[in-house]
Amino acid sequence: MNARQHYGRAAEEAAARHLIQHGWRLLGRNVRVGRGELDIVARRGPVLAFVEVKARRTHTCGAPEDAVGAAKRRQVARLAELWLAARPWALKGVDEVRFDIVAVDSTIFPSTIRHLPAAFTLDR
């Protein structure tokens, strides 16, 4: 595993811990669906969230959440549909399905973690 992959794994671990500490139950991490992967699938009460984790060590490319462009949003939504189609039971008791971003910002020490609920939809 190279340094970039190691950093990405550490960021995903930090994001998962953050969600758990805030009452989320993780239904899956690094879930392979078709030809893609969902970073985190989580549930808290009646909310089911497909969570994209983004991390940055420098501001050269902007904030972590800036990396979730239109193509990534479409991919996450498509993978979420496939995941749900294979697990209709996962919608039992769910009132809201949404797409969240957890941004891990390591440009400062200690790193900050921002959970951005309902960060995107297919059209924005």
N, C-alpha and C. Protein backbone atom coordinates (compact mmCIF):
# COMPACT_ATOMS: atom_id res chain seq x y z
N MET A 1 0.86 -1.18 0.00
CA MET A 1 0.00 0.00 0.00
C MET A 1 0.91 1.25 0.00
N ASN A 2 0.63 2.16 -0.92
CA ASN A 2 1.45 3.37 -0.97
C ASN A 2 0.95 4.42 0.03
N ALA A 3 1.67 5.51 0.15
CA ALA A 3 1.35 6.54 1.15
C ALA A 3 -0.03 7.15 0.90
N ARG A 4 -0.38 7.34 -0.35
CA ARG A 4 -1.68 7.94 -0.68
C ARG A 4 -2.82 7.01 -0.25
N GLN A 5 -2.67 5.72 -0.54
CA GLN A 5 -3.70 4.75 -0.14
C GLN A 5 -3.78 4.66 1.39
N HIS A 6 -2.63 4.69 2.04
CA HIS A 6 -2.61 4.63 3.51
C HIS A 6 -3.35 5.84 4.10
N TYR A 7 -3.10 7.03 3.53
CA TYR A 7 -3.78 8.24 4.00
C TYR A 7 -5.29 8.13 3.78
N GLY A 8 -5.69 7.63 2.62
CA GLY A 8 -7.11 7.47 2.32
C GLY A 8 -7.79 6.51 3.29
N ARG A 9 -7.13 5.41 3.59
CA ARG A 9 -7.69 4.45 4.55
C ARG A 9 -7.81 5.07 5.94
N ALA A 10 -6.79 5.82 6.34
CA ALA A 10 -6.83 6.47 7.66
C ALA A 10 -7.96 7.49 7.71
N ALA A 11 -8.18 8.22 6.62
CA ALA A 11 -9.27 9.20 6.56
C ALA A 11 -10.63 8.49 6.65
N GLU A 12 -10.78 7.38 5.96
CA GLU A 12 -12.04 6.64 6.03
C GLU A 12 -12.27 6.09 7.43
N GLU A 13 -11.21 5.65 8.09
CA GLU A 13 -11.34 5.15 9.46
C GLU A 13 -11.76 6.29 10.39
N ALA A 14 -11.16 7.46 10.23
CA ALA A 14 -11.52 8.63 11.05
C ALA A 14 -12.98 9.02 10.80
N ALA A 15 -13.41 8.97 9.55
CA ALA A 15 -14.80 9.31 9.22
C ALA A 15 -15.76 8.31 9.87
N ALA A 16 -15.43 7.04 9.81
CA ALA A 16 -16.28 6.01 10.41
C ALA A 16 -16.38 6.21 11.92
N ARG A 17 -15.25 6.46 12.57
CA ARG A 17 -15.27 6.71 14.02
C ARG A 17 -16.13 7.93 14.35
N HIS A 18 -16.00 8.98 13.55
CA HIS A 18 -16.78 10.21 13.76
C HIS A 18 -18.28 9.91 13.68
N LEU A 19 -18.69 9.17 12.67
CA LEU A 19 -20.10 8.85 12.52
C LEU A 19 -20.60 8.02 13.69
N ILE A 20 -19.84 7.01 14.07
CA ILE A 20 -20.24 6.16 15.20
C ILE A 20 -20.37 6.99 16.48
N GLN A 21 -19.42 7.89 16.71
CA GLN A 21 -19.47 8.73 17.91
C GLN A 21 -20.70 9.64 17.93
N HIS A 22 -21.25 9.90 16.75
CA HIS A 22 -22.43 10.76 16.65
C HIS A 22 -23.71 9.96 16.45
N GLY A 23 -23.69 8.69 16.84
CA GLY A 23 -24.90 7.89 16.87
C GLY A 23 -25.28 7.14 15.61
N TRP A 24 -24.41 7.13 14.62
CA TRP A 24 -24.70 6.41 13.39
C TRP A 24 -24.30 4.94 13.53
N ARG A 25 -25.09 4.08 12.91
CA ARG A 25 -24.76 2.66 12.85
C ARG A 25 -24.29 2.39 11.42
N LEU A 26 -23.10 1.84 11.30
CA LEU A 26 -22.55 1.57 9.97
C LEU A 26 -23.11 0.27 9.43
N LEU A 27 -23.69 0.34 8.25
CA LEU A 27 -24.22 -0.85 7.59
C LEU A 27 -23.20 -1.42 6.63
N GLY A 28 -22.23 -0.61 6.25
CA GLY A 28 -21.19 -1.09 5.35
C GLY A 28 -20.11 -0.06 5.16
N ARG A 29 -18.90 -0.57 4.93
CA ARG A 29 -17.75 0.29 4.62
C ARG A 29 -17.04 -0.29 3.41
N ASN A 30 -16.63 0.57 2.52
CA ASN A 30 -15.96 0.14 1.30
C ASN A 30 -16.74 -0.99 0.61
N VAL A 31 -18.03 -0.72 0.41
CA VAL A 31 -18.94 -1.72 -0.13
C VAL A 31 -18.81 -1.75 -1.65
N ARG A 32 -18.40 -2.88 -2.18
CA ARG A 32 -18.31 -3.06 -3.62
C ARG A 32 -19.71 -3.31 -4.18
N VAL A 33 -20.09 -2.50 -5.14
CA VAL A 33 -21.39 -2.63 -5.80
C VAL A 33 -21.12 -2.49 -7.30
N GLY A 34 -21.42 -3.52 -8.05
CA GLY A 34 -21.15 -3.45 -9.47
C GLY A 34 -19.68 -3.15 -9.70
N ARG A 35 -19.41 -2.10 -10.46
CA ARG A 35 -18.03 -1.71 -10.75
C ARG A 35 -17.53 -0.56 -9.88
N GLY A 36 -18.27 -0.27 -8.82
CA GLY A 36 -17.88 0.85 -7.98
C GLY A 36 -17.86 0.48 -6.52
N GLU A 37 -17.66 1.50 -5.71
CA GLU A 37 -17.57 1.28 -4.27
C GLU A 37 -18.22 2.44 -3.52
N LEU A 38 -19.03 2.09 -2.55
CA LEU A 38 -19.61 3.08 -1.65
C LEU A 38 -18.70 3.15 -0.43
N ASP A 39 -18.27 4.36 -0.05
CA ASP A 39 -17.36 4.49 1.09
C ASP A 39 -18.00 4.00 2.38
N ILE A 40 -19.15 4.58 2.71
CA ILE A 40 -19.85 4.20 3.95
C ILE A 40 -21.36 4.25 3.70
N VAL A 41 -22.04 3.24 4.21
CA VAL A 41 -23.51 3.25 4.25
C VAL A 41 -23.85 3.24 5.74
N ALA A 42 -24.62 4.23 6.17
CA ALA A 42 -24.89 4.38 7.61
C ALA A 42 -26.36 4.71 7.86
N ARG A 43 -26.77 4.39 9.07
CA ARG A 43 -28.16 4.69 9.45
C ARG A 43 -28.19 5.24 10.86
N ARG A 44 -29.03 6.25 11.03
CA ARG A 44 -29.32 6.79 12.36
C ARG A 44 -30.81 7.08 12.40
N GLY A 45 -31.52 6.31 13.21
CA GLY A 45 -32.97 6.46 13.28
C GLY A 45 -33.59 6.24 11.92
N PRO A 46 -34.44 7.17 11.46
CA PRO A 46 -35.12 6.99 10.19
C PRO A 46 -34.33 7.49 8.98
N VAL A 47 -33.04 7.78 9.17
CA VAL A 47 -32.22 8.33 8.08
C VAL A 47 -31.19 7.30 7.62
N LEU A 48 -31.19 7.03 6.32
CA LEU A 48 -30.20 6.17 5.69
C LEU A 48 -29.31 7.07 4.84
N ALA A 49 -28.01 7.01 5.07
CA ALA A 49 -27.09 7.89 4.36
C ALA A 49 -26.02 7.10 3.61
N PHE A 50 -25.79 7.50 2.39
CA PHE A 50 -24.67 7.01 1.60
C PHE A 50 -23.61 8.10 1.71
N VAL A 51 -22.51 7.76 2.35
CA VAL A 51 -21.52 8.76 2.74
C VAL A 51 -20.26 8.65 1.88
N GLU A 52 -19.92 9.73 1.22
CA GLU A 52 -18.68 9.82 0.46
C GLU A 52 -17.65 10.49 1.35
N VAL A 53 -16.49 9.86 1.49
CA VAL A 53 -15.42 10.40 2.33
C VAL A 53 -14.37 11.02 1.42
N LYS A 54 -14.01 12.26 1.72
CA LYS A 54 -12.96 12.95 0.97
C LYS A 54 -11.98 13.56 1.95
N ALA A 55 -10.71 13.50 1.60
CA ALA A 55 -9.67 14.02 2.49
C ALA A 55 -8.66 14.83 1.70
N ARG A 56 -8.07 15.80 2.38
CA ARG A 56 -7.04 16.65 1.79
C ARG A 56 -5.94 16.90 2.80
N ARG A 57 -4.70 16.91 2.29
CA ARG A 57 -3.54 17.28 3.11
C ARG A 57 -3.07 18.70 2.81
N THR A 58 -3.49 19.22 1.65
CA THR A 58 -3.15 20.60 1.28
C THR A 58 -4.38 21.26 0.67
N HIS A 59 -4.35 22.58 0.56
CA HIS A 59 -5.46 23.32 -0.06
C HIS A 59 -5.25 23.50 -1.56
N THR A 60 -4.22 22.90 -2.12
CA THR A 60 -3.91 23.06 -3.54
C THR A 60 -5.11 22.76 -4.43
N CYS A 61 -5.84 21.73 -4.10
CA CYS A 61 -7.01 21.32 -4.91
C CYS A 61 -8.33 21.74 -4.28
N GLY A 62 -8.28 22.62 -3.29
CA GLY A 62 -9.50 23.06 -2.63
C GLY A 62 -9.84 22.22 -1.42
N ALA A 63 -11.03 22.45 -0.90
CA ALA A 63 -11.50 21.73 0.28
C ALA A 63 -11.85 20.29 -0.13
N PRO A 64 -11.83 19.37 0.81
CA PRO A 64 -12.13 17.97 0.46
C PRO A 64 -13.47 17.80 -0.24
N GLU A 65 -14.48 18.48 0.26
CA GLU A 65 -15.82 18.32 -0.33
C GLU A 65 -15.92 18.84 -1.76
N ASP A 66 -14.98 19.70 -2.17
CA ASP A 66 -14.97 20.21 -3.54
C ASP A 66 -14.68 19.11 -4.55
N ALA A 67 -14.14 18.00 -4.09
CA ALA A 67 -13.76 16.90 -4.99
C ALA A 67 -14.96 16.04 -5.40
N VAL A 68 -16.12 16.31 -4.85
CA VAL A 68 -17.31 15.53 -5.21
C VAL A 68 -18.05 16.28 -6.32
N GLY A 69 -17.61 16.02 -7.54
CA GLY A 69 -18.20 16.68 -8.70
C GLY A 69 -19.41 15.93 -9.23
N ALA A 70 -19.92 16.39 -10.35
CA ALA A 70 -21.14 15.83 -10.93
C ALA A 70 -20.99 14.35 -11.25
N ALA A 71 -19.87 13.96 -11.81
CA ALA A 71 -19.67 12.55 -12.16
C ALA A 71 -19.68 11.67 -10.92
N LYS A 72 -19.03 12.12 -9.86
CA LYS A 72 -18.99 11.34 -8.61
C LYS A 72 -20.39 11.27 -8.00
N ARG A 73 -21.13 12.38 -8.03
CA ARG A 73 -22.49 12.36 -7.50
C ARG A 73 -23.36 11.34 -8.25
N ARG A 74 -23.26 11.33 -9.58
CA ARG A 74 -24.03 10.37 -10.37
C ARG A 74 -23.62 8.93 -10.03
N GLN A 75 -22.32 8.72 -9.87
CA GLN A 75 -21.84 7.37 -9.55
C GLN A 75 -22.36 6.91 -8.19
N VAL A 76 -22.26 7.76 -7.19
CA VAL A 76 -22.73 7.38 -5.84
C VAL A 76 -24.22 7.10 -5.87
N ALA A 77 -24.99 7.91 -6.56
CA ALA A 77 -26.44 7.70 -6.65
C ALA A 77 -26.76 6.38 -7.35
N ARG A 78 -26.05 6.08 -8.43
CA ARG A 78 -26.28 4.83 -9.16
C ARG A 78 -25.92 3.63 -8.28
N LEU A 79 -24.80 3.71 -7.58
CA LEU A 79 -24.39 2.62 -6.69
C LEU A 79 -25.38 2.45 -5.53
N ALA A 80 -25.89 3.56 -5.03
CA ALA A 80 -26.88 3.50 -3.94
C ALA A 80 -28.14 2.79 -4.42
N GLU A 81 -28.58 3.08 -5.63
CA GLU A 81 -29.75 2.40 -6.19
C GLU A 81 -29.52 0.89 -6.29
N LEU A 82 -28.34 0.50 -6.75
CA LEU A 82 -28.01 -0.92 -6.86
C LEU A 82 -27.96 -1.57 -5.48
N TRP A 83 -27.37 -0.87 -4.52
CA TRP A 83 -27.26 -1.39 -3.15
C TRP A 83 -28.65 -1.61 -2.57
N LEU A 84 -29.53 -0.63 -2.75
CA LEU A 84 -30.89 -0.73 -2.22
C LEU A 84 -31.71 -1.81 -2.93
N ALA A 85 -31.51 -1.96 -4.23
CA ALA A 85 -32.24 -2.97 -4.97
C ALA A 85 -31.93 -4.37 -4.45
N ALA A 86 -30.69 -4.58 -4.01
CA ALA A 86 -30.29 -5.88 -3.47
C ALA A 86 -30.66 -6.04 -2.00
N ARG A 87 -31.05 -4.95 -1.35
CA ARG A 87 -31.36 -4.97 0.09
C ARG A 87 -32.62 -4.16 0.39
N PRO A 88 -33.78 -4.56 -0.14
CA PRO A 88 -34.99 -3.79 0.11
C PRO A 88 -35.33 -3.68 1.59
N TRP A 89 -34.90 -4.64 2.39
CA TRP A 89 -35.12 -4.61 3.84
C TRP A 89 -34.48 -3.39 4.48
N ALA A 90 -33.45 -2.83 3.86
CA ALA A 90 -32.73 -1.69 4.44
C ALA A 90 -33.60 -0.44 4.51
N LEU A 91 -34.69 -0.41 3.75
CA LEU A 91 -35.57 0.77 3.76
C LEU A 91 -36.65 0.69 4.83
N LYS A 92 -36.74 -0.44 5.53
CA LYS A 92 -37.76 -0.57 6.57
C LYS A 92 -37.53 0.47 7.66
N GLY A 93 -38.54 1.30 7.91
CA GLY A 93 -38.45 2.34 8.93
C GLY A 93 -37.67 3.58 8.52
N VAL A 94 -37.27 3.66 7.26
CA VAL A 94 -36.51 4.80 6.77
C VAL A 94 -37.45 5.85 6.20
N ASP A 95 -37.30 7.08 6.67
CA ASP A 95 -38.09 8.21 6.17
C ASP A 95 -37.29 9.06 5.19
N GLU A 96 -35.97 8.98 5.27
CA GLU A 96 -35.12 9.84 4.44
C GLU A 96 -33.89 9.06 3.98
N VAL A 97 -33.63 9.11 2.69
CA VAL A 97 -32.40 8.57 2.11
C VAL A 97 -31.64 9.76 1.56
N ARG A 98 -30.38 9.86 1.92
CA ARG A 98 -29.64 11.05 1.49
C ARG A 98 -28.18 10.71 1.20
N PHE A 99 -27.51 11.70 0.60
CA PHE A 99 -26.11 11.58 0.25
C PHE A 99 -25.33 12.59 1.07
N ASP A 100 -24.47 12.09 1.94
CA ASP A 100 -23.66 12.93 2.82
C ASP A 100 -22.21 12.90 2.37
N ILE A 101 -21.47 13.88 2.84
CA ILE A 101 -20.01 13.90 2.66
C ILE A 101 -19.39 14.05 4.04
N VAL A 102 -18.35 13.28 4.29
CA VAL A 102 -17.51 13.52 5.46
C VAL A 102 -16.18 13.99 4.91
N ALA A 103 -15.82 15.22 5.26
CA ALA A 103 -14.59 15.85 4.80
C ALA A 103 -13.54 15.79 5.91
N VAL A 104 -12.41 15.20 5.59
CA VAL A 104 -11.30 15.11 6.53
C VAL A 104 -10.25 16.10 6.05
N ASP A 105 -10.04 17.15 6.83
CA ASP A 105 -9.14 18.23 6.46
C ASP A 105 -7.87 18.16 7.30
N SER A 106 -6.79 17.71 6.68
CA SER A 106 -5.51 17.57 7.39
C SER A 106 -4.57 18.72 7.08
N THR A 107 -5.11 19.82 6.58
CA THR A 107 -4.24 20.97 6.31
C THR A 107 -3.87 21.68 7.60
N ILE A 108 -4.56 21.34 8.68
CA ILE A 108 -4.25 21.88 10.00
C ILE A 108 -4.06 20.72 10.96
N PHE A 109 -3.43 20.98 12.07
CA PHE A 109 -3.24 19.93 13.08
C PHE A 109 -3.91 20.35 14.37
N PRO A 110 -4.71 19.53 14.97
CA PRO A 110 -5.11 18.21 14.46
C PRO A 110 -6.10 18.34 13.32
N SER A 111 -6.24 17.27 12.57
CA SER A 111 -7.17 17.25 11.44
C SER A 111 -8.59 17.55 11.93
N THR A 112 -9.36 18.16 11.05
CA THR A 112 -10.77 18.40 11.38
C THR A 112 -11.63 17.49 10.52
N ILE A 113 -12.76 17.11 11.08
CA ILE A 113 -13.70 16.27 10.35
C ILE A 113 -15.03 17.02 10.31
N ARG A 114 -15.54 17.20 9.09
CA ARG A 114 -16.82 17.88 8.89
C ARG A 114 -17.80 16.90 8.25
N HIS A 115 -18.92 16.71 8.92
CA HIS A 115 -19.99 15.88 8.35
C HIS A 115 -20.98 16.83 7.69
N LEU A 116 -21.15 16.69 6.40
CA LEU A 116 -22.05 17.55 5.64
C LEU A 116 -23.28 16.73 5.24
N PRO A 117 -24.35 16.81 6.06
CA PRO A 117 -25.55 16.04 5.76
C PRO A 117 -26.25 16.54 4.50
N ALA A 118 -26.82 15.60 3.75
CA ALA A 118 -27.54 15.94 2.51
C ALA A 118 -26.71 16.90 1.67
N ALA A 119 -25.44 16.56 1.50
CA ALA A 119 -24.49 17.44 0.81
C ALA A 119 -24.77 17.56 -0.68
N PHE A 120 -25.40 16.54 -1.24
CA PHE A 120 -25.70 16.63 -2.67
C PHE A 120 -26.91 15.78 -3.02
N THR A 121 -27.45 16.12 -4.17
CA THR A 121 -28.50 15.34 -4.81
C THR A 121 -28.03 15.11 -6.23
N LEU A 122 -28.81 14.46 -7.02
CA LEU A 122 -28.40 14.21 -8.41
C LEU A 122 -28.27 15.51 -9.21
N ASP A 123 -29.09 16.49 -8.90
CA ASP A 123 -29.08 17.74 -9.69
C ASP A 123 -28.21 18.84 -9.10
N ARG A 124 -27.56 18.62 -7.95
CA ARG A 124 -26.65 19.65 -7.45
C ARG A 124 -25.51 19.02 -6.69
